[in-house]
Amino acid sequence: MKTITNLLDSKTFLNYMLNRPDRKFLGDAIFPRKKIDTLSFEWVKGANNLPVMARVQPFGAEAAIMGRDGVSTVSGKIPVIKIKRSLDEEEYIKLKKFQKRGYDIPESTIRKIFDDVTAVFDSVENKIEYLRMQALCKGQLDFTNDGFQYSIDYLMPSENKPTVATLWSDTTNSDPENDIYTWVSMVIEKGGPQPTKAVTSLKVVNYLLRNVNLRKAIFGVNSDRLLDLRTLNSYFTSKGLPALTHYDLQARDLSGNTVRFFDEDKFVLLPGNGVAGDTLVGPTAEALLEDAGKKKKELKGITVVQWESTEPVTLWTKAAAAQIPSMPYADYTVSATVI
């Protein structure tokens, strides 16, 4: 029988969460999840610096001593992201009536409960994605707008956060190809791997597709032809430049304001194969909870908990996670302001 005590543990719930439409968060690929056992984090900036070569020596000679480079570290505590919602009183009364009679919970009520689960789960996941994209765009995170002060500086060098001399919104005079070539060369000269991927907004992509210099370089005398993203990416990769992806997902904050994950005016050159770091997944109190009166489920490092309360009389659904993006390759990431 379907009851509130076994609903989260049911295959129905797991199938519901796994088979619903996916928003395809880009951060899942750029910052894959990595579980850690503590809320403290520390990583070495520039962890992919050039290796040191050993010496060639004759047999019997003592090995040379390898020194240690001076390193910069980023450290701190992973903040907890959480939110909760209560079931409508009318639905709660319906739920309890069916339970007292020994009946299955009606599908309409199950749907409302699952909708609450989805809402709080998505709210936490959206915040995690926002943090990942803001780390890319700004090279730092600032939590002061969430009611308390918390910040992480990823130590991205100032030259890795340029503003183009001629904004790409000037489709006649700007030279995006030269700008991108300059940034790629800078990364390689620092010892970084060849960048193969870049992220920007649809607005920036549209400016690139209308850019006079790019269309001349690609089409020559037929530069009045329409340029599409596939052709542009093919041209860029043939020149050793990264292929572009535009990312424009949005969410609402608790005040109802629409917020972009990725800044519309940015062009971000990703390091190497497109992985900028990890999403560090720490433990939460909710995940460790052992309470017979509360039911929980974990997915993607986000724990969903449900329990009933007597004041107010309702069913609560809460989602919680302790996740933060790491970015040890900040030296090889470029976040340019282009419009």
Foldseek 3Di string as FASTA:
>chain_A
DAAPLCLCVDPVLVCVVVVDDDPPQPCCVQAPADEDAFQKDKDWAPPVADDDDFDDDDPPDDGDDDDDDDIDMWIDGFDKDKDKDWQPPVLQVLRVVCVVVVHHRDPVSSVSVSVRQVVGVVVRVVVQSLQSQCCQQPQKDFCVVVVDTDMTHQPQDPVLAAADPAFLLPLEPDDVLVVQVVLQVQLVVRVFAQFAEKEAAPVSVVSVQSRQVLLCVQPPVVSVDGGDLVSSQVVQVVVSGYRYDYAFDWDADPVRDIDTSHDRQKMKGATDPNHQFHWYWYDDPQVVDDDSQKDWDDDPSKIWIWHADVVVGTIMIMIMTRIHTRGSHSHNMHIYGRD
